[in-house]
Each structure stands twice: as structure tokens, then as C-alpha cells.
Amino acid sequence: MAEPALLDLLVLRKHFGAAPVLEDVRLRLQAGEVVALVGASGCGKSTLLRIAAGLDRDFTGQVRLAGQVVTAPTRDIRFVFQEPRLFPWLSVARNVVFDGESAADTARVAALLDEVGLAGLGDRLPKQLSGGQAQRVAIARGLFVQPKVLLLDEPFSAVDAFTRLKLQDLLLRVAQAHGITVLLVTHDIDEAVALSDHVIVLDSAPGRIADEISIALPRGPEHRRGQPDAAATIAEVRHALHAVHAV
């Protein structure tokens, strides 16, 4: 018998007005898995994340977390957006914790900032951070409530290539350390293969699952970047994308 999914996402239909966006999409993520969504712009990847987060209820289908129906945003599912979306008037620490005031909150924020490589920067304002540092704050904020699932919508697309590699390593490390399930939207095929256990290829108009490619490689970017087997898997994903999005 298959293991019950931690996150079970069923979208039978999702429209914007008369335009179909998603149709007959079923995703099941097991605890601790990292799954990447790839597809052409406009195929519904970000919309699918918003549905999974409980931010969009205008669809036909159902979202379940550990067997319970999700009908609204929950602390067990956190969203990291493409931009860090930090409050400019709050310090780094206050952005992580929002309205936490207890000594335990202070200690936990300090530990999280240390974990994401921002030790000692809790008193800085967002304007004093680099783009990569700001995104690290966003990740720490997502981790603060100890969620079961972390959703990320192209979280590293606005940083330089070297920072992106470092943030990829950070994401996988903290997700594994905290036992978090990850659903990641990316346009970077190398990133999808480096980080994930499965790559889901979405067709468009409307978005449907066209292919699912399991990554049969040792986990972790350090085992995949530049390796011949990883290159073959990247080529497989590229071929799947071309097959569904070729003009």
C-alpha cells in the first residue's frame, strides 16, 4: 500500500474568467520530499502554489495536508515569494518573527539567522541587506513557525549566479535539517534537477501534468552539479519541456 501523502493537491478546474488555467492536476508529496515544478510562463505554476497555500480558493478541487482539508492559509504551509517582501520599517529579526515578543522567540530568531548565514544582522533594516541576504531572511521567516511544507515561487531568480548556487545549497540543507517538504517553482532546469526528488513538467492552456521525472541520483547539489548522470537528467527534462511547449 502506498504511503499516505503529506500534501495532496487536486485541482480539477481553475479558471481566470473564461480562460482555463489548470485542469486535472493531482500532486502528492510525501514528507521530506523536494518537488520542482517547471513549465512555460503562464502555464499555472504560481497559481498552483497559491492554491496549495490556501491563498486561492476559487477552484474546483481540494487540498489536503496530512489528511486534513486546507481551506485557508495555515502555519503548516509557508510561502516564500520571488521577491523577499520584507517590511522595510522592521528589523531583520522583526521581519522573521513579526509580532513575537518572548525571550524564546528572540533565541529562536537568533538561531535561525545563524542557520541561514545572517548571524549578528538581526538589527539591520532590509535596505541594508544585499538581495541574497534579503532572501535568506525570507527563508528564515518561512522556517520560523516550523511548517510541514515550504512553497517557493522562483525564490532565487533575482540574484546573481554565485549567490543563487549558495542559496540553493542553503535551501536543501535547512529543509533536510527541519524535515520540511518543499514544492519549488523554477524556470531553471539545472536548479530543478540539482535540488529535487521529482521534476513535474506542466503543459499549458490549461496547465496539466505532462510528465514527471524522478531523479535517480544521490541527493544534494554537490552530487549533481556537473556530473554526467545529472547532465543526462537535465537533457531529459529539457526534452519533456520541448515536447509540450514546442511551437
Protein backbone atom coordinates (compact mmCIF):
# COMPACT_ATOMS: atom_id res chain seq x y z
CA MET A 1 0.00 0.00 0.00
CA ALA A 2 1.32 3.44 -0.96
CA GLU A 3 2.34 5.73 1.88
CA PRO A 4 -0.24 8.47 2.52
CA ALA A 5 0.80 11.83 1.07
CA LEU A 6 1.65 14.69 3.38
CA LEU A 7 0.40 17.22 0.81
CA ASP A 8 -2.34 16.01 -1.54
CA LEU A 9 -3.28 18.62 -4.13
CA LEU A 10 -6.17 18.08 -6.55
CA VAL A 11 -7.18 20.81 -8.98
CA LEU A 12 -9.90 19.65 -11.34
CA ARG A 13 -10.50 23.11 -12.78
CA LYS A 14 -9.13 26.59 -12.26
CA HIS A 15 -10.15 29.50 -14.49
CA PHE A 16 -9.43 33.21 -14.65
CA GLY A 17 -12.70 34.43 -16.08
CA ALA A 18 -13.40 32.27 -19.10
CA ALA A 19 -9.75 31.32 -19.57
CA PRO A 20 -8.75 27.86 -18.26
CA VAL A 21 -5.55 27.92 -16.20
CA LEU A 22 -5.30 24.47 -14.60
CA GLU A 23 -7.16 21.25 -15.26
CA ASP A 24 -6.96 17.72 -13.82
CA VAL A 25 -3.80 18.35 -11.80
CA ARG A 26 -3.03 15.89 -8.99
CA LEU A 27 0.13 16.21 -6.91
CA ARG A 28 1.02 14.05 -3.92
CA LEU A 29 4.11 14.97 -1.92
CA GLN A 30 5.49 12.69 0.75
CA ALA A 31 7.05 14.01 3.95
CA GLY A 32 10.57 15.28 3.32
CA GLU A 33 10.33 15.30 -0.47
CA VAL A 34 11.53 18.14 -2.68
CA VAL A 35 9.46 18.53 -5.85
CA ALA A 36 10.13 21.08 -8.61
CA LEU A 37 7.51 22.47 -10.98
CA VAL A 38 8.71 23.56 -14.43
CA GLY A 39 6.89 24.81 -17.48
CA ALA A 40 6.46 27.79 -19.77
CA SER A 41 5.42 31.16 -18.38
CA GLY A 42 1.66 31.27 -17.89
CA CYS A 43 1.17 27.52 -17.51
CA GLY A 44 -0.20 27.90 -13.97
CA LYS A 45 2.81 27.07 -11.78
CA SER A 46 2.46 30.06 -9.45
CA THR A 47 -1.32 29.66 -9.36
CA LEU A 48 -0.85 26.06 -8.25
CA LEU A 49 1.38 27.23 -5.40
CA ARG A 50 -1.20 29.81 -4.29
CA ILE A 51 -3.87 27.11 -4.25
CA ALA A 52 -1.60 24.82 -2.22
CA ALA A 53 -1.02 27.65 0.27
CA GLY A 54 -4.75 28.28 0.74
CA LEU A 55 -4.40 31.74 -0.82
CA ASP A 56 -6.69 30.95 -3.75
CA ARG A 57 -9.94 29.09 -3.04
CA ASP A 58 -11.63 29.89 -6.37
CA PHE A 59 -11.08 26.47 -7.95
CA THR A 60 -12.70 23.07 -8.22
CA GLY A 61 -10.79 20.51 -6.22
CA GLN A 62 -9.26 20.03 -2.81
CA VAL A 63 -6.04 20.48 -0.88
CA ARG A 64 -5.23 18.10 1.98
CA LEU A 65 -2.39 18.32 4.44
CA ALA A 66 -1.78 15.15 6.45
CA GLY A 67 -5.31 14.10 5.54
CA GLN A 68 -6.97 17.35 6.66
CA VAL A 69 -8.65 19.67 4.15
CA VAL A 70 -6.92 23.05 3.79
CA THR A 71 -9.44 25.86 3.36
CA ALA A 72 -7.34 28.87 4.38
CA PRO A 73 -3.70 29.84 4.94
CA THR A 74 -2.12 27.78 7.71
CA ARG A 75 1.10 27.95 9.70
CA ASP A 76 1.86 24.42 8.50
CA ILE A 77 2.27 25.64 4.90
CA ARG A 78 4.50 28.66 4.32
CA PHE A 79 5.16 30.60 1.12
CA VAL A 80 8.46 32.16 0.01
CA PHE A 81 7.83 34.54 -2.88
CA GLN A 82 10.04 35.53 -5.78
CA GLU A 83 10.82 38.82 -4.00
CA PRO A 84 11.65 38.71 -0.26
CA ARG A 85 8.68 41.01 0.57
CA LEU A 86 10.25 42.23 3.79
CA PHE A 87 8.66 45.06 5.76
CA PRO A 88 11.11 47.96 5.20
CA TRP A 89 10.39 49.58 8.58
CA LEU A 90 11.09 46.40 10.58
CA SER A 91 14.47 45.00 11.50
CA VAL A 92 15.64 41.68 10.11
CA ALA A 93 14.73 39.95 13.37
CA ARG A 94 11.28 41.53 13.48
CA ASN A 95 10.66 40.52 9.86
CA VAL A 96 11.36 36.93 10.83
CA VAL A 97 9.15 36.85 13.92
CA PHE A 98 6.54 39.56 13.12
CA ASP A 99 4.87 40.16 16.49
CA GLY A 100 6.79 37.69 18.66
CA GLU A 101 7.92 39.18 21.92
CA SER A 102 9.05 36.38 24.23
CA ALA A 103 12.61 35.51 25.15
CA ALA A 104 12.08 32.17 23.42
CA ASP A 105 11.19 34.00 20.19
CA THR A 106 14.37 36.07 20.45
CA ALA A 107 16.51 32.98 20.93
CA ARG A 108 14.82 31.13 18.07
CA VAL A 109 15.22 34.06 15.67
CA ALA A 110 18.91 34.33 16.54
CA ALA A 111 19.34 30.59 15.92
CA LEU A 112 17.53 30.78 12.57
CA LEU A 113 19.56 33.79 11.42
CA ASP A 114 22.72 31.91 12.32
CA GLU A 115 21.44 28.87 10.41
CA VAL A 116 20.85 30.89 7.22
CA GLY A 117 24.19 32.71 7.47
CA LEU A 118 22.98 36.02 8.91
CA ALA A 119 24.32 35.82 12.46
CA GLY A 120 24.60 39.24 14.05
CA LEU A 121 22.44 41.00 11.44
CA GLY A 122 19.14 40.91 13.33
CA ASP A 123 19.11 44.66 13.99
CA ARG A 124 19.67 45.69 10.38
CA LEU A 125 16.91 47.10 8.20
CA PRO A 126 16.10 45.46 4.84
CA LYS A 127 17.64 48.41 2.94
CA GLN A 128 20.99 47.48 4.49
CA LEU A 129 20.92 43.97 3.01
CA SER A 130 22.02 42.54 -0.31
CA GLY A 131 19.47 40.71 -2.44
CA GLY A 132 20.82 37.35 -1.34
CA GLN A 133 20.74 38.36 2.32
CA ALA A 134 17.14 39.55 1.99
CA GLN A 135 16.12 36.22 0.51
CA ARG A 136 17.83 34.43 3.39
CA VAL A 137 15.63 36.47 5.74
CA ALA A 138 12.58 35.35 3.76
CA ILE A 139 13.65 31.71 4.15
CA ALA A 140 14.21 32.19 7.89
CA ARG A 141 10.75 33.76 8.15
CA GLY A 142 9.27 30.75 6.38
CA LEU A 143 11.00 28.41 8.81
CA PHE A 144 10.11 30.34 11.97
CA VAL A 145 6.72 28.70 12.55
CA GLN A 146 8.18 25.23 11.85
CA PRO A 147 5.93 24.42 8.88
CA LYS A 148 5.41 21.00 7.38
CA VAL A 149 5.53 22.34 3.81
CA LEU A 150 7.52 25.19 2.27
CA LEU A 151 6.33 26.58 -1.07
CA LEU A 152 8.80 28.65 -3.10
CA ASP A 153 8.00 30.63 -6.25
CA GLU A 154 11.23 31.21 -8.20
CA PRO A 155 12.91 32.36 -4.99
CA PHE A 156 16.41 32.81 -6.42
CA SER A 157 15.68 34.34 -9.82
CA ALA A 158 16.61 37.91 -8.79
CA VAL A 159 20.13 37.17 -7.50
CA ASP A 160 23.43 36.64 -9.28
CA ALA A 161 24.53 33.17 -10.34
CA PHE A 162 27.01 32.61 -7.48
CA THR A 163 24.52 33.74 -4.83
CA ARG A 164 21.90 31.53 -6.43
CA LEU A 165 24.10 28.45 -6.02
CA LYS A 166 24.71 29.29 -2.37
CA LEU A 167 21.00 29.80 -1.72
CA GLN A 168 20.16 26.50 -3.41
CA ASP A 169 22.58 24.73 -1.07
CA LEU A 170 21.11 26.60 1.90
CA LEU A 171 17.52 25.71 1.00
CA LEU A 172 18.22 22.00 0.73
CA ARG A 173 20.31 21.96 3.89
CA VAL A 174 17.72 23.68 6.09
CA ALA A 175 14.82 21.73 4.56
CA GLN A 176 16.56 18.46 5.41
CA ALA A 177 17.56 19.68 8.87
CA HIS A 178 13.97 20.66 9.69
CA GLY A 179 12.29 17.74 7.90
CA ILE A 180 10.30 20.05 5.64
CA THR A 181 8.58 19.07 2.40
CA VAL A 182 9.37 21.51 -0.43
CA LEU A 183 7.41 22.43 -3.56
CA LEU A 184 9.50 24.72 -5.75
CA VAL A 185 8.60 26.63 -8.92
CA THR A 186 11.60 27.36 -11.13
CA HIS A 187 12.43 28.18 -14.75
CA ASP A 188 15.98 26.92 -14.19
CA ILE A 189 16.18 23.26 -15.23
CA ASP A 190 19.63 22.83 -13.70
CA GLU A 191 18.20 24.08 -10.39
CA ALA A 192 15.23 21.73 -10.61
CA VAL A 193 17.49 18.72 -11.13
CA ALA A 194 20.06 19.82 -8.53
CA LEU A 195 17.50 20.18 -5.75
CA SER A 196 14.55 17.90 -6.29
CA ASP A 197 13.49 14.29 -5.95
CA HIS A 198 10.95 14.71 -8.75
CA VAL A 199 10.50 17.25 -11.54
CA ILE A 200 6.92 17.90 -12.64
CA VAL A 201 6.53 19.27 -16.18
CA LEU A 202 3.36 21.30 -16.72
CA ASP A 203 1.68 21.74 -20.08
CA SER A 204 -0.26 24.96 -20.62
CA ALA A 205 -3.65 26.34 -21.73
CA PRO A 206 -4.79 24.77 -19.48
CA GLY A 207 -1.97 23.61 -17.23
CA ARG A 208 -1.83 19.83 -16.84
CA ILE A 209 0.89 17.46 -15.68
CA ALA A 210 2.57 16.40 -18.90
CA ASP A 211 5.45 14.44 -17.36
CA GLU A 212 7.02 13.51 -14.04
CA ILE A 213 10.73 12.76 -13.95
CA SER A 214 12.15 11.09 -10.88
CA ILE A 215 15.76 11.99 -10.09
CA ALA A 216 17.62 8.73 -9.52
CA LEU A 217 20.82 10.43 -8.30
CA PRO A 218 22.39 10.94 -4.87
CA ARG A 219 20.58 13.80 -3.16
CA GLY A 220 22.18 17.22 -2.97
CA PRO A 221 23.61 19.71 -5.47
CA GLU A 222 27.17 18.73 -4.60
CA HIS A 223 26.47 15.25 -6.06
CA ARG A 224 24.69 16.55 -9.17
CA ARG A 225 26.24 19.74 -10.50
CA GLY A 226 28.49 18.95 -13.43
CA GLN A 227 28.02 15.18 -13.19
CA PRO A 228 27.38 13.16 -16.39
CA ASP A 229 24.29 11.46 -14.93
CA ALA A 230 22.88 14.85 -13.92
CA ALA A 231 23.51 16.18 -17.43
CA ALA A 232 21.50 13.28 -18.84
CA THR A 233 18.62 14.04 -16.47
CA ILE A 234 18.73 17.74 -17.38
CA ALA A 235 18.52 16.74 -21.04
CA GLU A 236 15.52 14.52 -20.23
CA VAL A 237 13.71 17.42 -18.58
CA ARG A 238 14.56 19.74 -21.48
CA HIS A 239 13.19 17.19 -23.91
CA ALA A 240 9.97 16.85 -21.90
CA LEU A 241 9.55 20.63 -21.85
CA HIS A 242 10.18 20.91 -25.56
CA ALA A 243 7.68 18.15 -26.28
CA VAL A 244 4.82 20.01 -24.55
CA HIS A 245 5.77 23.63 -25.34
CA ALA A 246 7.21 23.41 -28.84
CA VAL A 247 5.64 25.94 -31.20
